[in-house]
């Protein structure tokens, strides 16, 4: 076991040589190739669903754990399939963006397709097992939600990402599907209010994929991958991310004004402290070379790194505000 590598892989995407890779244990390899550092995005969506269930007095730990593990392993499966699909289509050749910021197990010769496929099957089966358990408990609606999730896992990389629908898929998955569906899996109730409450964070998740696509705008344009930033242009893509960040706060304030949440949720405004660092980055094109003060471990991630930084701060404050609000409501302090 290499616990230190587990911790590192949960924080960043480590860059490794072939010799270093060969010395790793199977868990370290799984954490690295699934890009587990970004699975935090999915965990926060699952946590939001759990907090909202707790707030209504309907939280079930076993169902929440099954839902959370299922979602995170589904996300991990998608990341693995993304690497296989892009490798087979030749996308990651010639030092493509994906091959620059972390190990692409196939392109970098760390694994064979057969070896990586084993990881896909095991990871996917864990996700499916969790989903089938929830279907057994909750019935046909959960089966429909699981089928929708499977669709996005299997077809996000191709063709959705290639035709400008990848970004729309993200806002649907990390909002209505994960939070709304997760809430249903735990409580047995569907709530459109919960779906609306999912949108501030779902927008944040979308800024991350949008930022990533702006980062690789030129590469994608050259390879005929028509992400939304390629369709609308690099500058419009940057401004679209800033607009979505602003909408995260607009939707949060709306939820407070309408009374769904108490003013406690406005603690999320503390995430605006990320703006002085993030906004200037988005107002200008990406530097052609890494700035001297920038971290080498992150480069060439630029816009996506900024979006992840803001979304992590927003998501954690959003969770805290919701949790305090829920605790006070359950305690009878708020009504």
C-alpha atoms as a PDB file:
ATOM      1  CA  UNK A   1       0.000   0.000   0.000  1.00  0.00           C
ATOM      2  CA  UNK A   2       1.100   3.522  -0.788  1.00  0.00           C
ATOM      3  CA  UNK A   3      -1.161   5.691   1.343  1.00  0.00           C
ATOM      4  CA  UNK A   4       0.780   8.855   0.563  1.00  0.00           C
ATOM      5  CA  UNK A   5       0.053   8.326  -3.145  1.00  0.00           C
ATOM      6  CA  UNK A   6      -3.620   7.725  -2.377  1.00  0.00           C
ATOM      7  CA  UNK A   7      -3.748  11.097  -0.629  1.00  0.00           C
ATOM      8  CA  UNK A   8      -1.871  12.812  -3.450  1.00  0.00           C
ATOM      9  CA  UNK A   9      -4.105  11.275  -6.132  1.00  0.00           C
ATOM     10  CA  UNK A  10      -7.174  12.567  -4.308  1.00  0.00           C
ATOM     11  CA  UNK A  11      -5.770  16.091  -4.457  1.00  0.00           C
ATOM     12  CA  UNK A  12      -4.057  16.347  -7.858  1.00  0.00           C
ATOM     13  CA  UNK A  13      -3.478  14.225 -10.956  1.00  0.00           C
ATOM     14  CA  UNK A  14       0.099  12.929 -10.436  1.00  0.00           C
ATOM     15  CA  UNK A  15       2.531  12.783 -13.338  1.00  0.00           C
ATOM     16  CA  UNK A  16       4.554   9.586 -13.337  1.00  0.00           C
ATOM     17  CA  UNK A  17       7.229   7.787 -15.300  1.00  0.00           C
ATOM     18  CA  UNK A  18       6.755   4.202 -16.427  1.00  0.00           C
ATOM     19  CA  UNK A  19       9.087   2.967 -13.664  1.00  0.00           C
ATOM     20  CA  UNK A  20       7.181   4.898 -11.004  1.00  0.00           C
ATOM     21  CA  UNK A  21       3.911   3.544 -12.362  1.00  0.00           C
ATOM     22  CA  UNK A  22       5.089  -0.064 -12.185  1.00  0.00           C
ATOM     23  CA  UNK A  23       5.834   0.297  -8.470  1.00  0.00           C
ATOM     24  CA  UNK A  24       2.308   1.433  -7.579  1.00  0.00           C
ATOM     25  CA  UNK A  25      -0.350  -0.705  -5.916  1.00  0.00           C
ATOM     26  CA  UNK A  26      -3.676  -1.331  -7.645  1.00  0.00           C
ATOM     27  CA  UNK A  27      -5.573   1.272  -5.594  1.00  0.00           C
ATOM     28  CA  UNK A  28      -3.052   3.997  -6.429  1.00  0.00           C
ATOM     29  CA  UNK A  29      -3.342   3.104 -10.114  1.00  0.00           C
ATOM     30  CA  UNK A  30      -7.135   3.200  -9.940  1.00  0.00           C
ATOM     31  CA  UNK A  31      -7.153   6.574  -8.189  1.00  0.00           C
ATOM     32  CA  UNK A  32      -4.788   8.029 -10.790  1.00  0.00           C
ATOM     33  CA  UNK A  33      -6.391   6.701 -13.966  1.00  0.00           C
ATOM     34  CA  UNK A  34      -9.918   7.589 -12.813  1.00  0.00           C
ATOM     35  CA  UNK A  35      -8.676  11.131 -12.059  1.00  0.00           C
ATOM     36  CA  UNK A  36     -10.110  10.754  -8.582  1.00  0.00           C
ATOM     37  CA  UNK A  37      -9.204  14.324  -7.625  1.00  0.00           C
ATOM     38  CA  UNK A  38     -12.198  15.502  -9.663  1.00  0.00           C
ATOM     39  CA  UNK A  39     -14.592  12.970  -8.124  1.00  0.00           C
ATOM     40  CA  UNK A  40     -15.065  15.552  -5.359  1.00  0.00           C
ATOM     41  CA  UNK A  41     -17.460  17.280  -7.755  1.00  0.00           C
ATOM     42  CA  UNK A  42     -19.728  14.245  -7.704  1.00  0.00           C
ATOM     43  CA  UNK A  43     -19.406  13.750  -3.953  1.00  0.00           C
ATOM     44  CA  UNK A  44     -20.643  17.301  -3.325  1.00  0.00           C
ATOM     45  CA  UNK A  45     -23.730  16.691  -5.490  1.00  0.00           C
ATOM     46  CA  UNK A  46     -24.440  13.494  -3.536  1.00  0.00           C
ATOM     47  CA  UNK A  47     -23.893  15.350  -0.263  1.00  0.00           C
ATOM     48  CA  UNK A  48     -26.378  18.049  -1.305  1.00  0.00           C
ATOM     49  CA  UNK A  49     -28.992  15.356  -1.965  1.00  0.00           C
ATOM     50  CA  UNK A  50     -28.278  13.812   1.430  1.00  0.00           C
ATOM     51  CA  UNK A  51     -28.538  17.108   3.311  1.00  0.00           C
ATOM     52  CA  UNK A  52     -31.855  17.919   1.657  1.00  0.00           C
ATOM     53  CA  UNK A  53     -33.139  14.471   2.604  1.00  0.00           C
ATOM     54  CA  UNK A  54     -31.995  15.023   6.202  1.00  0.00           C
ATOM     55  CA  UNK A  55     -33.740  18.398   6.234  1.00  0.00           C
ATOM     56  CA  UNK A  56     -37.038  16.658   5.408  1.00  0.00           C
ATOM     57  CA  UNK A  57     -36.488  14.011   8.089  1.00  0.00           C
ATOM     58  CA  UNK A  58     -36.118  11.266   5.480  1.00  0.00           C
ATOM     59  CA  UNK A  59     -32.382  10.579   5.494  1.00  0.00           C
ATOM     60  CA  UNK A  60     -31.347   6.928   5.237  1.00  0.00           C
ATOM     61  CA  UNK A  61     -27.613   6.336   5.648  1.00  0.00           C
ATOM     62  CA  UNK A  62     -27.571   3.012   3.807  1.00  0.00           C
ATOM     63  CA  UNK A  63     -29.421   4.361   0.777  1.00  0.00           C
ATOM     64  CA  UNK A  64     -27.305   7.514   0.753  1.00  0.00           C
ATOM     65  CA  UNK A  65     -24.084   5.492   0.824  1.00  0.00           C
ATOM     66  CA  UNK A  66     -25.303   3.262  -2.022  1.00  0.00           C
ATOM     67  CA  UNK A  67     -26.276   6.334  -4.038  1.00  0.00           C
ATOM     68  CA  UNK A  68     -23.006   8.154  -3.344  1.00  0.00           C
ATOM     69  CA  UNK A  69     -20.755   5.184  -4.094  1.00  0.00           C
ATOM     70  CA  UNK A  70     -22.768   4.412  -7.215  1.00  0.00           C
ATOM     71  CA  UNK A  71     -22.486   7.963  -8.534  1.00  0.00           C
ATOM     72  CA  UNK A  72     -18.773   8.258  -7.822  1.00  0.00           C
ATOM     73  CA  UNK A  73     -17.985   4.918  -9.460  1.00  0.00           C
ATOM     74  CA  UNK A  74     -20.167   5.860 -12.435  1.00  0.00           C
ATOM     75  CA  UNK A  75     -18.159   9.084 -12.784  1.00  0.00           C
ATOM     76  CA  UNK A  76     -14.931   7.082 -12.507  1.00  0.00           C
ATOM     77  CA  UNK A  77     -16.180   4.677 -15.186  1.00  0.00           C
ATOM     78  CA  UNK A  78     -16.897   7.601 -17.488  1.00  0.00           C
ATOM     79  CA  UNK A  79     -13.348   8.904 -17.037  1.00  0.00           C
ATOM     80  CA  UNK A  80     -11.905   5.499 -17.912  1.00  0.00           C
ATOM     81  CA  UNK A  81     -14.145   5.126 -20.952  1.00  0.00           C
ATOM     82  CA  UNK A  82     -13.184   8.641 -22.018  1.00  0.00           C
ATOM     83  CA  UNK A  83      -9.518   7.605 -22.221  1.00  0.00           C
ATOM     84  CA  UNK A  84     -10.303   4.418 -24.143  1.00  0.00           C
ATOM     85  CA  UNK A  85     -12.616   6.194 -26.594  1.00  0.00           C
ATOM     86  CA  UNK A  86     -10.221   9.057 -27.277  1.00  0.00           C
ATOM     87  CA  UNK A  87      -7.291   6.651 -27.644  1.00  0.00           C
ATOM     88  CA  UNK A  88      -9.122   4.503 -30.154  1.00  0.00           C
ATOM     89  CA  UNK A  89     -10.196   7.565 -32.126  1.00  0.00           C
ATOM     90  CA  UNK A  90      -6.631   8.865 -32.123  1.00  0.00           C
ATOM     91  CA  UNK A  91      -7.578  12.032 -30.259  1.00  0.00           C
ATOM     92  CA  UNK A  92      -4.822  11.834 -27.631  1.00  0.00           C
ATOM     93  CA  UNK A  93      -1.977  11.502 -30.141  1.00  0.00           C
ATOM     94  CA  UNK A  94       0.626  14.212 -30.751  1.00  0.00           C
ATOM     95  CA  UNK A  95       0.701  15.439 -27.142  1.00  0.00           C
ATOM     96  CA  UNK A  96      -2.995  16.378 -27.088  1.00  0.00           C
ATOM     97  CA  UNK A  97      -4.185  18.382 -24.074  1.00  0.00           C
ATOM     98  CA  UNK A  98      -5.402  15.340 -22.122  1.00  0.00           C
ATOM     99  CA  UNK A  99      -1.937  13.761 -22.400  1.00  0.00           C
ATOM    100  CA  UNK A 100      -0.246  16.864 -20.973  1.00  0.00           C
ATOM    101  CA  UNK A 101      -1.865  17.340 -17.567  1.00  0.00           C
ATOM    102  CA  UNK A 102      -1.708  13.768 -16.317  1.00  0.00           C
ATOM    103  CA  UNK A 103      -0.968  10.183 -17.319  1.00  0.00           C
ATOM    104  CA  UNK A 104      -3.127   8.864 -20.135  1.00  0.00           C
ATOM    105  CA  UNK A 105      -2.655   5.148 -19.376  1.00  0.00           C
ATOM    106  CA  UNK A 106      -2.957   4.003 -23.001  1.00  0.00           C
ATOM    107  CA  UNK A 107      -1.276   6.853 -24.843  1.00  0.00           C
ATOM    108  CA  UNK A 108       1.656   6.839 -22.426  1.00  0.00           C
ATOM    109  CA  UNK A 109       2.035   3.054 -22.562  1.00  0.00           C
ATOM    110  CA  UNK A 110       1.290   2.483 -18.888  1.00  0.00           C
ATOM    111  CA  UNK A 111      -1.439  -0.055 -19.598  1.00  0.00           C
ATOM    112  CA  UNK A 112      -2.843  -2.085 -22.455  1.00  0.00           C
ATOM    113  CA  UNK A 113      -6.457  -1.746 -23.550  1.00  0.00           C
ATOM    114  CA  UNK A 114      -7.123  -5.175 -22.042  1.00  0.00           C
ATOM    115  CA  UNK A 115      -5.685  -4.131 -18.674  1.00  0.00           C
ATOM    116  CA  UNK A 116      -7.592  -0.848 -18.643  1.00  0.00           C
ATOM    117  CA  UNK A 117     -10.776  -2.658 -19.681  1.00  0.00           C
ATOM    118  CA  UNK A 118     -10.554  -4.752 -16.513  1.00  0.00           C
ATOM    119  CA  UNK A 119     -10.607  -1.539 -14.467  1.00  0.00           C
ATOM    120  CA  UNK A 120     -13.590  -0.322 -16.512  1.00  0.00           C
ATOM    121  CA  UNK A 121     -15.540  -3.532 -15.934  1.00  0.00           C
ATOM    122  CA  UNK A 122     -14.873  -3.715 -12.193  1.00  0.00           C
ATOM    123  CA  UNK A 123     -15.550  -0.017 -11.647  1.00  0.00           C
ATOM    124  CA  UNK A 124     -18.675  -0.116 -13.776  1.00  0.00           C
ATOM    125  CA  UNK A 125     -20.016  -3.233 -12.054  1.00  0.00           C
ATOM    126  CA  UNK A 126     -19.698  -1.551  -8.641  1.00  0.00           C
ATOM    127  CA  UNK A 127     -21.694   1.400  -9.962  1.00  0.00           C
ATOM    128  CA  UNK A 128     -24.305  -0.913 -11.479  1.00  0.00           C
ATOM    129  CA  UNK A 129     -24.567  -2.990  -8.297  1.00  0.00           C
ATOM    130  CA  UNK A 130     -25.293   0.127  -6.256  1.00  0.00           C
ATOM    131  CA  UNK A 131     -27.827   1.248  -8.840  1.00  0.00           C
ATOM    132  CA  UNK A 132     -29.621  -2.096  -8.915  1.00  0.00           C
ATOM    133  CA  UNK A 133     -29.883  -2.096  -5.128  1.00  0.00           C
ATOM    134  CA  UNK A 134     -31.534   1.321  -5.273  1.00  0.00           C
ATOM    135  CA  UNK A 135     -33.847   0.106  -8.047  1.00  0.00           C
ATOM    136  CA  UNK A 136     -34.823  -2.843  -5.836  1.00  0.00           C
ATOM    137  CA  UNK A 137     -35.679  -0.457  -3.000  1.00  0.00           C
ATOM    138  CA  UNK A 138     -37.231   2.415  -4.945  1.00  0.00           C
ATOM    139  CA  UNK A 139     -38.614   0.835  -8.105  1.00  0.00           C
ATOM    140  CA  UNK A 140     -39.135   1.922 -11.712  1.00  0.00           C
ATOM    141  CA  UNK A 141     -38.380   5.635 -11.332  1.00  0.00           C
ATOM    142  CA  UNK A 142     -34.904   4.828 -10.053  1.00  0.00           C
ATOM    143  CA  UNK A 143     -34.432   2.451 -12.988  1.00  0.00           C
ATOM    144  CA  UNK A 144     -35.267   5.302 -15.378  1.00  0.00           C
ATOM    145  CA  UNK A 145     -32.825   7.606 -13.574  1.00  0.00           C
ATOM    146  CA  UNK A 146     -30.157   4.897 -13.695  1.00  0.00           C
ATOM    147  CA  UNK A 147     -30.749   4.423 -17.429  1.00  0.00           C
ATOM    148  CA  UNK A 148     -30.372   8.175 -17.989  1.00  0.00           C
ATOM    149  CA  UNK A 149     -27.117   8.136 -16.037  1.00  0.00           C
ATOM    150  CA  UNK A 150     -25.838   5.168 -18.043  1.00  0.00           C
ATOM    151  CA  UNK A 151     -26.622   7.038 -21.261  1.00  0.00           C
ATOM    152  CA  UNK A 152     -24.433   9.960 -20.248  1.00  0.00           C
ATOM    153  CA  UNK A 153     -21.644   7.674 -18.984  1.00  0.00           C
ATOM    154  CA  UNK A 154     -21.531   5.798 -22.283  1.00  0.00           C
ATOM    155  CA  UNK A 155     -22.129   8.612 -24.761  1.00  0.00           C
ATOM    156  CA  UNK A 156     -20.690  11.771 -23.203  1.00  0.00           C
ATOM    157  CA  UNK A 157     -17.237  11.358 -24.757  1.00  0.00           C
ATOM    158  CA  UNK A 158     -18.762  10.496 -28.130  1.00  0.00           C
ATOM    159  CA  UNK A 159     -20.918  11.799 -29.651  1.00  0.00           C
ATOM    160  CA  UNK A 160     -22.249  14.381 -27.137  1.00  0.00           C
ATOM    161  CA  UNK A 161     -18.922  16.173 -26.598  1.00  0.00           C
ATOM    162  CA  UNK A 162     -18.355  16.293 -30.356  1.00  0.00           C
ATOM    163  CA  UNK A 163     -21.615  18.093 -31.147  1.00  0.00           C
ATOM    164  CA  UNK A 164     -21.727  20.802 -28.491  1.00  0.00           C
ATOM    165  CA  UNK A 165     -23.919  18.863 -26.062  1.00  0.00           C
ATOM    166  CA  UNK A 166     -21.269  17.867 -23.534  1.00  0.00           C
ATOM    167  CA  UNK A 167     -21.684  21.022 -21.464  1.00  0.00           C
ATOM    168  CA  UNK A 168     -25.477  20.648 -21.412  1.00  0.00           C
ATOM    169  CA  UNK A 169     -25.025  17.041 -20.304  1.00  0.00           C
ATOM    170  CA  UNK A 170     -22.928  18.170 -17.330  1.00  0.00           C
ATOM    171  CA  UNK A 171     -25.515  20.605 -15.997  1.00  0.00           C
ATOM    172  CA  UNK A 172     -28.212  17.932 -16.332  1.00  0.00           C
ATOM    173  CA  UNK A 173     -26.122  15.202 -14.689  1.00  0.00           C
ATOM    174  CA  UNK A 174     -24.639  17.139 -11.766  1.00  0.00           C
ATOM    175  CA  UNK A 175     -27.926  18.908 -11.039  1.00  0.00           C
ATOM    176  CA  UNK A 176     -31.316  17.295 -11.706  1.00  0.00           C
ATOM    177  CA  UNK A 177     -29.954  13.781 -12.203  1.00  0.00           C
ATOM    178  CA  UNK A 178     -27.484  13.502  -9.315  1.00  0.00           C
ATOM    179  CA  UNK A 179     -29.137  15.796  -6.769  1.00  0.00           C
ATOM    180  CA  UNK A 180     -32.779  15.373  -7.768  1.00  0.00           C
ATOM    181  CA  UNK A 181     -32.335  11.676  -8.526  1.00  0.00           C
ATOM    182  CA  UNK A 182     -30.144  11.143  -5.479  1.00  0.00           C
ATOM    183  CA  UNK A 183     -32.776  12.782  -3.281  1.00  0.00           C
ATOM    184  CA  UNK A 184     -35.396  10.459  -4.748  1.00  0.00           C
ATOM    185  CA  UNK A 185     -33.204   7.406  -4.176  1.00  0.00           C
ATOM    186  CA  UNK A 186     -32.819   8.298  -0.507  1.00  0.00           C
ATOM    187  CA  UNK A 187     -36.358   9.529   0.238  1.00  0.00           C
ATOM    188  CA  UNK A 188     -38.620   7.973  -2.394  1.00  0.00           C
ATOM    189  CA  UNK A 189     -39.933  11.463  -3.273  1.00  0.00           C
ATOM    190  CA  UNK A 190     -39.346  13.576  -6.365  1.00  0.00           C
ATOM    191  CA  UNK A 191     -39.060  17.311  -5.671  1.00  0.00           C
ATOM    192  CA  UNK A 192     -38.748  20.072  -8.246  1.00  0.00           C
ATOM    193  CA  UNK A 193     -37.642  22.383  -5.436  1.00  0.00           C
ATOM    194  CA  UNK A 194     -34.691  20.067  -4.897  1.00  0.00           C
ATOM    195  CA  UNK A 195     -33.948  20.220  -8.618  1.00  0.00           C
ATOM    196  CA  UNK A 196     -33.915  24.031  -8.466  1.00  0.00           C
ATOM    197  CA  UNK A 197     -31.702  23.885  -5.371  1.00  0.00           C
ATOM    198  CA  UNK A 198     -29.271  21.744  -7.377  1.00  0.00           C
ATOM    199  CA  UNK A 199     -28.746  24.381 -10.060  1.00  0.00           C
ATOM    200  CA  UNK A 200     -26.235  26.657  -8.286  1.00  0.00           C
ATOM    201  CA  UNK A 201     -23.835  23.773  -7.841  1.00  0.00           C
ATOM    202  CA  UNK A 202     -24.653  22.193 -11.216  1.00  0.00           C
ATOM    203  CA  UNK A 203     -23.666  25.481 -12.853  1.00  0.00           C
ATOM    204  CA  UNK A 204     -20.364  25.292 -10.996  1.00  0.00           C
ATOM    205  CA  UNK A 205     -19.682  21.796 -12.297  1.00  0.00           C
ATOM    206  CA  UNK A 206     -20.462  23.070 -15.785  1.00  0.00           C
ATOM    207  CA  UNK A 207     -17.956  25.912 -15.445  1.00  0.00           C
ATOM    208  CA  UNK A 208     -15.268  23.281 -14.878  1.00  0.00           C
ATOM    209  CA  UNK A 209     -15.940  21.342 -18.071  1.00  0.00           C
ATOM    210  CA  UNK A 210     -16.473  24.631 -19.932  1.00  0.00           C
ATOM    211  CA  UNK A 211     -13.128  25.909 -18.646  1.00  0.00           C
ATOM    212  CA  UNK A 212     -11.438  22.694 -19.716  1.00  0.00           C
ATOM    213  CA  UNK A 213     -12.893  23.029 -23.201  1.00  0.00           C
ATOM    214  CA  UNK A 214     -11.742  26.654 -23.424  1.00  0.00           C
ATOM    215  CA  UNK A 215      -8.265  25.503 -22.366  1.00  0.00           C
ATOM    216  CA  UNK A 216      -8.100  23.072 -25.273  1.00  0.00           C
ATOM    217  CA  UNK A 217     -10.032  25.231 -27.719  1.00  0.00           C
ATOM    218  CA  UNK A 218      -7.351  25.230 -30.420  1.00  0.00           C
ATOM    219  CA  UNK A 219      -6.644  21.505 -30.098  1.00  0.00           C
ATOM    220  CA  UNK A 220     -10.325  20.595 -30.262  1.00  0.00           C
ATOM    221  CA  UNK A 221     -10.935  22.920 -33.197  1.00  0.00           C
ATOM    222  CA  UNK A 222      -8.047  21.334 -35.104  1.00  0.00           C
ATOM    223  CA  UNK A 223      -9.337  17.818 -34.401  1.00  0.00           C
ATOM    224  CA  UNK A 224     -12.945  18.581 -35.307  1.00  0.00           C
ATOM    225  CA  UNK A 225     -14.277  18.208 -31.764  1.00  0.00           C
ATOM    226  CA  UNK A 226     -17.097  20.731 -31.651  1.00  0.00           C
ATOM    227  CA  UNK A 227     -17.393  21.517 -27.962  1.00  0.00           C
ATOM    228  CA  UNK A 228     -19.532  24.540 -27.128  1.00  0.00           C
ATOM    229  CA  UNK A 229     -16.501  26.873 -26.806  1.00  0.00           C
ATOM    230  CA  UNK A 230     -15.386  25.755 -30.295  1.00  0.00           C
ATOM    231  CA  UNK A 231     -18.864  26.554 -31.618  1.00  0.00           C
ATOM    232  CA  UNK A 232     -19.281  29.968 -29.971  1.00  0.00           C
ATOM    233  CA  UNK A 233     -15.616  30.985 -29.929  1.00  0.00           C
ATOM    234  CA  UNK A 234     -12.851  31.198 -27.331  1.00  0.00           C
ATOM    235  CA  UNK A 235     -13.713  34.674 -26.046  1.00  0.00           C
ATOM    236  CA  UNK A 236     -17.432  33.941 -25.782  1.00  0.00           C
ATOM    237  CA  UNK A 237     -16.531  30.709 -23.989  1.00  0.00           C
ATOM    238  CA  UNK A 238     -14.541  32.609 -21.368  1.00  0.00           C
ATOM    239  CA  UNK A 239     -17.347  35.094 -20.797  1.00  0.00           C
ATOM    240  CA  UNK A 240     -19.911  32.294 -20.642  1.00  0.00           C
ATOM    241  CA  UNK A 241     -18.009  30.784 -17.708  1.00  0.00           C
ATOM    242  CA  UNK A 242     -18.057  34.114 -15.852  1.00  0.00           C
ATOM    243  CA  UNK A 243     -21.783  34.413 -16.518  1.00  0.00           C
ATOM    244  CA  UNK A 244     -22.407  30.944 -15.101  1.00  0.00           C
ATOM    245  CA  UNK A 245     -20.359  31.768 -12.014  1.00  0.00           C
ATOM    246  CA  UNK A 246     -22.487  34.881 -11.473  1.00  0.00           C
ATOM    247  CA  UNK A 247     -25.671  32.829 -11.949  1.00  0.00           C
ATOM    248  CA  UNK A 248     -24.578  30.499  -9.150  1.00  0.00           C
ATOM    249  CA  UNK A 249     -25.016  33.392  -6.718  1.00  0.00           C
ATOM    250  CA  UNK A 250     -28.180  34.693  -8.414  1.00  0.00           C
ATOM    251  CA  UNK A 251     -29.884  31.303  -8.034  1.00  0.00           C
ATOM    252  CA  UNK A 252     -28.707  31.036  -4.415  1.00  0.00           C
ATOM    253  CA  UNK A 253     -30.157  34.447  -3.563  1.00  0.00           C
ATOM    254  CA  UNK A 254     -33.391  33.446  -5.332  1.00  0.00           C
ATOM    255  CA  UNK A 255     -33.651  30.338  -3.147  1.00  0.00           C
ATOM    256  CA  UNK A 256     -33.292  32.523  -0.049  1.00  0.00           C
ATOM    257  CA  UNK A 257     -35.770  35.172  -1.241  1.00  0.00           C
ATOM    258  CA  UNK A 258     -38.402  32.526  -2.014  1.00  0.00           C
ATOM    259  CA  UNK A 259     -37.962  31.086   1.472  1.00  0.00           C
ATOM    260  CA  UNK A 260     -36.762  27.641   0.453  1.00  0.00           C
ATOM    261  CA  UNK A 261     -33.564  28.344   2.382  1.00  0.00           C
ATOM    262  CA  UNK A 262     -32.972  30.735   5.250  1.00  0.00           C
ATOM    263  CA  UNK A 263     -30.532  33.667   4.926  1.00  0.00           C
ATOM    264  CA  UNK A 264     -27.947  31.325   6.472  1.00  0.00           C
ATOM    265  CA  UNK A 265     -27.290  30.064   2.945  1.00  0.00           C
ATOM    266  CA  UNK A 266     -25.891  33.490   2.060  1.00  0.00           C
ATOM    267  CA  UNK A 267     -22.690  32.302   3.710  1.00  0.00           C
ATOM    268  CA  UNK A 268     -21.939  31.089   0.187  1.00  0.00           C
ATOM    269  CA  UNK A 269     -21.156  34.724  -0.692  1.00  0.00           C
ATOM    270  CA  UNK A 270     -17.829  34.128   1.035  1.00  0.00           C
ATOM    271  CA  UNK A 271     -16.862  32.141  -2.051  1.00  0.00           C
ATOM    272  CA  UNK A 272     -16.716  35.459  -3.888  1.00  0.00           C
ATOM    273  CA  UNK A 273     -13.273  35.803  -2.327  1.00  0.00           C
ATOM    274  CA  UNK A 274     -12.105  33.578  -5.205  1.00  0.00           C
ATOM    275  CA  UNK A 275     -13.165  36.163  -7.792  1.00  0.00           C
ATOM    276  CA  UNK A 276     -10.111  38.461  -7.544  1.00  0.00           C
ATOM    277  CA  UNK A 277      -7.973  35.528  -8.647  1.00  0.00           C
ATOM    278  CA  UNK A 278     -10.393  33.868 -11.067  1.00  0.00           C
ATOM    279  CA  UNK A 279     -12.017  36.758 -12.954  1.00  0.00           C
ATOM    280  CA  UNK A 280      -8.787  38.351 -14.293  1.00  0.00           C
ATOM    281  CA  UNK A 281      -7.768  34.945 -15.663  1.00  0.00           C
ATOM    282  CA  UNK A 282     -11.000  34.708 -17.645  1.00  0.00           C
ATOM    283  CA  UNK A 283     -10.877  38.254 -18.966  1.00  0.00           C
ATOM    284  CA  UNK A 284      -7.793  37.443 -21.024  1.00  0.00           C
ATOM    285  CA  UNK A 285      -6.699  34.614 -23.337  1.00  0.00           C
ATOM    286  CA  UNK A 286      -4.625  31.812 -21.879  1.00  0.00           C
ATOM    287  CA  UNK A 287      -0.879  32.603 -21.746  1.00  0.00           C
ATOM    288  CA  UNK A 288       1.133  30.826 -24.429  1.00  0.00           C
ATOM    289  CA  UNK A 289       3.747  29.879 -21.849  1.00  0.00           C
ATOM    290  CA  UNK A 290       3.452  29.093 -18.165  1.00  0.00           C
ATOM    291  CA  UNK A 291       3.773  32.258 -16.016  1.00  0.00           C
ATOM    292  CA  UNK A 292       6.728  32.178 -13.639  1.00  0.00           C
ATOM    293  CA  UNK A 293       4.518  32.326 -10.550  1.00  0.00           C
ATOM    294  CA  UNK A 294       2.250  29.499 -11.754  1.00  0.00           C
ATOM    295  CA  UNK A 295       2.487  25.956 -10.382  1.00  0.00           C
ATOM    296  CA  UNK A 296       4.154  23.480 -12.731  1.00  0.00           C
ATOM    297  CA  UNK A 297       2.048  20.623 -11.341  1.00  0.00           C
ATOM    298  CA  UNK A 298      -1.087  22.334 -12.676  1.00  0.00           C
ATOM    299  CA  UNK A 299       0.061  23.708 -16.051  1.00  0.00           C
ATOM    300  CA  UNK A 300      -1.233  23.508 -18.830  1.00  0.00           C
ATOM    301  CA  UNK A 301      -4.535  23.578 -16.917  1.00  0.00           C
ATOM    302  CA  UNK A 302      -5.517  27.230 -16.752  1.00  0.00           C
ATOM    303  CA  UNK A 303      -9.189  28.082 -17.125  1.00  0.00           C
ATOM    304  CA  UNK A 304     -10.304  24.708 -15.795  1.00  0.00           C
ATOM    305  CA  UNK A 305      -8.005  25.081 -12.775  1.00  0.00           C
ATOM    306  CA  UNK A 306      -9.513  28.492 -12.027  1.00  0.00           C
ATOM    307  CA  UNK A 307     -13.048  27.145 -12.387  1.00  0.00           C
ATOM    308  CA  UNK A 308     -12.257  24.161 -10.156  1.00  0.00           C
ATOM    309  CA  UNK A 309     -10.753  26.477  -7.534  1.00  0.00           C
ATOM    310  CA  UNK A 310     -13.897  28.639  -7.475  1.00  0.00           C
ATOM    311  CA  UNK A 311     -16.320  25.727  -7.607  1.00  0.00           C
ATOM    312  CA  UNK A 312     -14.594  23.902  -4.758  1.00  0.00           C
ATOM    313  CA  UNK A 313     -14.860  27.011  -2.582  1.00  0.00           C
ATOM    314  CA  UNK A 314     -18.459  27.660  -3.639  1.00  0.00           C
ATOM    315  CA  UNK A 315     -19.462  24.029  -3.171  1.00  0.00           C
ATOM    316  CA  UNK A 316     -18.043  23.743   0.333  1.00  0.00           C
ATOM    317  CA  UNK A 317     -19.676  26.978   1.518  1.00  0.00           C
ATOM    318  CA  UNK A 318     -22.923  25.927  -0.163  1.00  0.00           C
ATOM    319  CA  UNK A 319     -22.778  22.596   1.672  1.00  0.00           C
ATOM    320  CA  UNK A 320     -22.041  24.265   4.993  1.00  0.00           C
ATOM    321  CA  UNK A 321     -24.890  26.751   4.605  1.00  0.00           C
ATOM    322  CA  UNK A 322     -27.328  23.999   3.654  1.00  0.00           C
ATOM    323  CA  UNK A 323     -26.189  21.778   6.520  1.00  0.00           C
ATOM    324  CA  UNK A 324     -26.617  24.492   9.160  1.00  0.00           C
ATOM    325  CA  UNK A 325     -29.983  25.434   7.664  1.00  0.00           C
ATOM    326  CA  UNK A 326     -31.080  21.775   7.754  1.00  0.00           C
ATOM    327  CA  UNK A 327     -29.901  21.218  11.344  1.00  0.00           C
ATOM    328  CA  UNK A 328     -31.761  24.303  12.578  1.00  0.00           C
ATOM    329  CA  UNK A 329     -34.931  23.250  10.745  1.00  0.00           C
ATOM    330  CA  UNK A 330     -34.807  19.723  12.171  1.00  0.00           C
ATOM    331  CA  UNK A 331     -34.197  21.225  15.633  1.00  0.00           C
ATOM    332  CA  UNK A 332     -37.268  23.427  15.219  1.00  0.00           C
ATOM    333  CA  UNK A 333     -35.344  26.703  15.304  1.00  0.00           C
ATOM    334  CA  UNK A 334     -36.317  27.484  11.699  1.00  0.00           C
ATOM    335  CA  UNK A 335     -39.669  26.812  10.076  1.00  0.00           C
END
